[in-house]
Protein backbone atom coordinates (compact mmCIF):
# COMPACT_ATOMS: atom_id res chain seq x y z
CA MET A 1 -4.75 -6.21 -15.70
CA HIS A 2 -4.37 -9.15 -13.34
CA ASP A 3 -5.31 -10.46 -9.90
CA LEU A 4 -2.67 -10.87 -7.23
CA LYS A 5 -2.37 -12.51 -3.80
CA ILE A 6 0.48 -11.17 -1.67
CA THR A 7 1.93 -13.49 0.99
CA PHE A 8 5.20 -11.65 1.91
CA ASP A 9 7.18 -14.89 1.64
CA GLY A 10 10.82 -14.74 0.59
CA LEU A 11 11.48 -11.22 1.88
CA VAL A 12 13.12 -12.05 5.20
CA HIS A 13 15.73 -14.47 6.53
CA HIS A 14 15.10 -17.03 9.25
CA ASP A 15 14.15 -15.51 12.61
CA GLY A 16 14.18 -11.94 11.28
CA ASP A 17 12.09 -9.07 10.06
CA VAL A 18 12.57 -6.44 7.38
CA ALA A 19 10.76 -3.41 6.00
CA VAL A 20 8.85 -4.24 2.83
CA ARG A 21 10.69 -2.39 0.08
CA ASP A 22 9.09 -0.08 -2.46
CA GLY A 23 8.48 -1.93 -5.70
CA PHE A 24 7.54 -5.23 -4.05
CA LYS A 25 4.76 -6.71 -6.20
CA GLY A 26 4.47 -3.35 -7.96
CA PHE A 27 3.47 -1.27 -4.92
CA ASP A 28 5.08 1.31 -2.64
CA TRP A 29 4.92 0.34 1.03
CA ASN A 30 5.19 2.63 4.05
CA ASN A 31 5.42 1.30 7.62
CA VAL A 32 4.89 -2.32 6.57
CA ASP A 33 7.33 -5.06 7.67
CA ALA A 34 7.65 -8.74 6.80
CA ILE A 35 8.27 -11.07 9.76
CA ASP A 36 9.55 -14.64 9.58
CA LYS A 37 7.47 -17.36 11.24
CA SER A 38 10.31 -18.32 13.59
CA LYS A 39 10.43 -14.80 15.00
CA VAL A 40 6.64 -14.69 15.20
CA ASP A 41 6.67 -17.86 17.32
CA ALA A 42 9.39 -16.46 19.57
CA LEU A 43 7.42 -13.29 20.29
CA SER A 44 4.81 -15.07 22.42
CA ALA A 45 5.20 -16.82 25.71
CA PRO A 46 4.80 -20.62 25.65
CA GLY A 47 1.18 -21.68 25.50
CA THR A 48 -0.08 -18.37 24.09
CA GLU A 49 -0.68 -17.21 20.54
CA ASN A 50 -0.38 -13.67 19.24
CA GLY A 51 -2.14 -12.18 16.25
CA PHE A 52 0.81 -12.86 13.96
CA GLN A 53 0.63 -16.59 14.64
CA ASN A 54 -3.13 -16.66 14.19
CA VAL A 55 -3.10 -14.79 10.89
CA LEU A 56 -0.41 -16.94 9.23
CA LYS A 57 -2.35 -19.05 6.73
CA SER A 58 0.30 -19.94 4.16
CA GLY A 59 4.06 -19.79 3.66
CA ASP A 60 6.60 -18.71 6.22
CA SER A 61 6.07 -14.94 6.69
CA VAL A 62 3.41 -12.46 7.74
CA ALA A 63 3.21 -8.69 7.52
CA SER A 64 3.18 -6.13 10.31
CA ALA A 65 1.44 -2.81 9.70
CA CYS A 66 1.02 0.31 11.84
CA LYS A 67 3.98 -0.50 14.07
CA ASN A 68 5.63 2.92 14.31
CA ASP A 69 2.96 5.62 14.01
CA ASN A 70 -0.26 3.58 13.80
CA VAL A 71 -0.67 4.37 10.08
CA SER A 72 0.55 2.37 7.08
CA THR A 73 0.21 3.07 3.35
CA ILE A 74 0.12 0.96 0.19
CA LYS A 75 0.35 2.97 -3.06
CA SER A 76 0.62 2.33 -6.77
CA ASP A 77 1.58 4.37 -9.82
CA GLY A 78 -1.42 2.76 -11.47
CA PHE A 79 -4.77 1.56 -10.18
CA PHE A 80 -5.85 -1.52 -8.26
CA THR A 81 -8.76 -3.08 -6.42
CA PHE A 82 -8.24 -4.06 -2.79
CA LYS A 83 -10.32 -7.19 -2.39
CA SER A 84 -9.58 -9.14 0.78
CA GLY A 85 -7.12 -10.42 3.35
CA TRP A 86 -6.53 -12.08 6.70
CA PHE A 87 -6.11 -9.59 9.56
CA ALA A 88 -5.65 -9.62 13.33
CA ALA A 89 -4.53 -7.27 16.06
CA ALA A 90 -1.06 -8.47 16.98
CA TRP A 91 -1.26 -7.77 20.71
CA MET A 92 -4.62 -6.15 21.48
CA ASN A 93 -8.27 -7.00 22.04
CA ASP A 94 -10.97 -4.79 20.51
CA MET A 95 -8.53 -2.72 18.45
CA THR A 96 -10.13 -0.34 15.93
CA VAL A 97 -8.79 -0.63 12.39
CA THR A 98 -9.76 1.74 9.56
CA PHE A 99 -8.99 1.06 5.91
CA THR A 100 -9.32 4.13 3.65
CA ALA A 101 -9.23 4.09 -0.16
CA TYR A 102 -8.09 7.00 -2.34
CA ARG A 103 -8.16 7.78 -6.04
CA ASP A 104 -6.13 10.74 -7.33
CA GLY A 105 -5.92 12.19 -3.82
CA VAL A 106 -9.67 11.96 -3.11
CA GLU A 107 -11.12 9.58 -0.51
CA VAL A 108 -13.52 7.18 -2.22
CA GLY A 109 -14.22 4.60 0.49
CA HIS A 110 -13.45 3.36 3.98
CA LEU A 111 -14.09 0.42 6.25
CA THR A 112 -13.79 0.49 10.03
CA THR A 113 -13.80 -2.71 12.05
CA THR A 114 -12.72 -4.06 15.44
CA LEU A 115 -10.13 -6.81 15.67
CA GLY A 116 -8.58 -8.94 18.40
CA ILE A 117 -5.74 -11.46 18.23
CA ASP A 118 -7.99 -14.02 16.49
CA ALA A 119 -7.64 -13.87 12.71
CA LYS A 120 -10.52 -12.50 10.66
CA PHE A 121 -10.96 -12.69 6.89
CA LEU A 122 -12.17 -9.34 5.54
CA THR A 123 -13.62 -8.59 2.12
CA PHE A 124 -13.90 -5.06 0.78
CA SER A 125 -16.73 -3.37 -1.11
CA HIS A 126 -16.81 -1.82 -4.57
CA ASP A 127 -15.61 1.45 -2.97
CA PHE A 128 -12.14 -0.11 -2.94
CA ARG A 129 -12.11 -0.62 -6.73
CA HIS A 130 -9.91 1.36 -9.09
CA ILE A 131 -7.90 3.12 -6.38
CA ASP A 132 -4.27 4.18 -6.22
CA LYS A 133 -3.67 4.42 -2.45
CA LEU A 134 -4.79 2.52 0.64
CA THR A 135 -4.15 3.67 4.20
CA ILE A 136 -4.53 1.52 7.30
CA ALA A 137 -4.87 3.13 10.74
CA THR A 138 -5.17 1.49 14.17
CA SER A 139 -6.23 2.76 17.59
CA GLY A 140 -7.81 1.79 20.89
CA GLY A 141 -8.32 -1.62 22.41
CA THR A 142 -7.00 -3.34 25.50
CA ASP A 143 -3.78 -5.26 26.00
CA ALA A 144 -4.30 -8.97 25.31
CA PHE A 145 -1.07 -9.73 27.18
CA PRO A 146 -1.02 -7.39 30.19
CA GLY A 147 2.40 -6.18 31.19
CA ASP A 148 3.96 -6.69 27.77
CA GLY A 149 3.67 -3.07 26.63
CA ALA A 150 1.46 -3.92 23.67
CA SER A 151 1.51 -1.80 20.52
CA HIS A 152 -1.22 -1.24 17.95
CA GLU A 153 0.43 -3.42 15.32
CA LEU A 154 -1.78 -5.08 12.74
CA ALA A 155 -0.94 -8.57 11.50
CA MET A 156 -1.95 -9.29 7.91
CA GLU A 157 -1.52 -12.06 5.37
CA ASP A 158 -2.77 -13.27 1.97
CA LEU A 159 -3.78 -9.82 0.74
CA GLY A 160 -5.97 -10.03 -2.35
CA PHE A 161 -5.68 -7.44 -5.11
CA GLY A 162 -7.54 -7.28 -8.40
CA ASN A 163 -7.38 -5.33 -11.66
CA VAL A 164 -3.78 -4.29 -11.03
CA HIS A 165 -2.54 -2.16 -13.89
CA GLN A 166 -0.35 0.82 -14.60
CA ARG A 167 -1.62 4.21 -15.66
CA PRO A 168 -1.39 4.68 -19.43
CA VAL A 169 1.56 6.79 -20.49
CA PRO A 170 0.40 9.56 -22.86
CA ASP A 171 2.01 9.76 -26.26
CA PRO A 172 4.54 12.58 -26.50
CA VAL A 173 3.23 15.73 -28.15
CA PRO A 174 5.36 16.54 -31.21
CA ALA A 175 6.98 19.95 -31.26
CA PRO A 176 5.41 22.30 -33.81
CA ASP A 177 7.34 23.02 -36.98
CA PHE A 178 9.12 26.35 -36.77
CA ASP A 179 9.10 28.42 -39.96
CA LEU A 180 11.89 30.98 -39.58
CA HIS A 181 10.81 32.98 -42.64
CA HIS A 182 7.21 33.14 -41.37
CA HIS A 183 8.44 34.12 -37.90
CA PHE A 184 10.27 37.11 -39.25
CA LEU A 185 7.36 38.08 -41.50
CA THR A 186 5.09 38.25 -38.46
CA ARG A 187 7.63 40.32 -36.49
CA GLY A 188 8.77 42.71 -39.23
CA PHE A 189 9.16 42.86 -43.00
CA VAL A 190 11.57 41.56 -45.58
CA HIS A 191 13.18 43.81 -48.28
CA ASP A 192 15.76 42.51 -50.75
CA HIS A 193 16.34 39.44 -48.58
CA HIS A 194 17.10 41.65 -45.52
CA VAL A 195 14.91 41.43 -42.42
CA PHE A 196 13.77 44.59 -40.71
CA LEU A 197 12.13 44.22 -37.26
CA VAL A 198 9.41 46.59 -36.15
């Protein structure tokens, strides 16, 4: 078991963006992209700052969640604790964001908050301990940059995970010994070394 801070650095080339691949830092990622700082800066008009710029606290990349269908997922074959992170609405004011934690397909916790383009550091309760899936959903709000066709993207950075470990793999069950003579004795009878089935 170990703690982990994910920064998304090193995934994307200068002035680009890329989908975060499954297996990155031991997790499966759905609808999460990494965006280079140069592209983040180019996305806003001069003199304005978007949520991506505000949430960037270290390194040269941030993450974008909920871009395509307003829901993103982080999963693991094992268990983890989702502890904290920096978050901001990329383009909206008063955007609703819901984090939902699952263990073995059962919801065990959720947190709903409202975010604007200013970065906010969130910490998560004990309900987000020992889980295997986290979903993030966004909705609502008003456009912080009217006329730009804002989406409900969530900017996030410096995600804190704890107690990351894989599920134990059960030991293989040995095959039972097969006694051919006993098998035939239970299915028939033996006479002069010949087997007769009944």
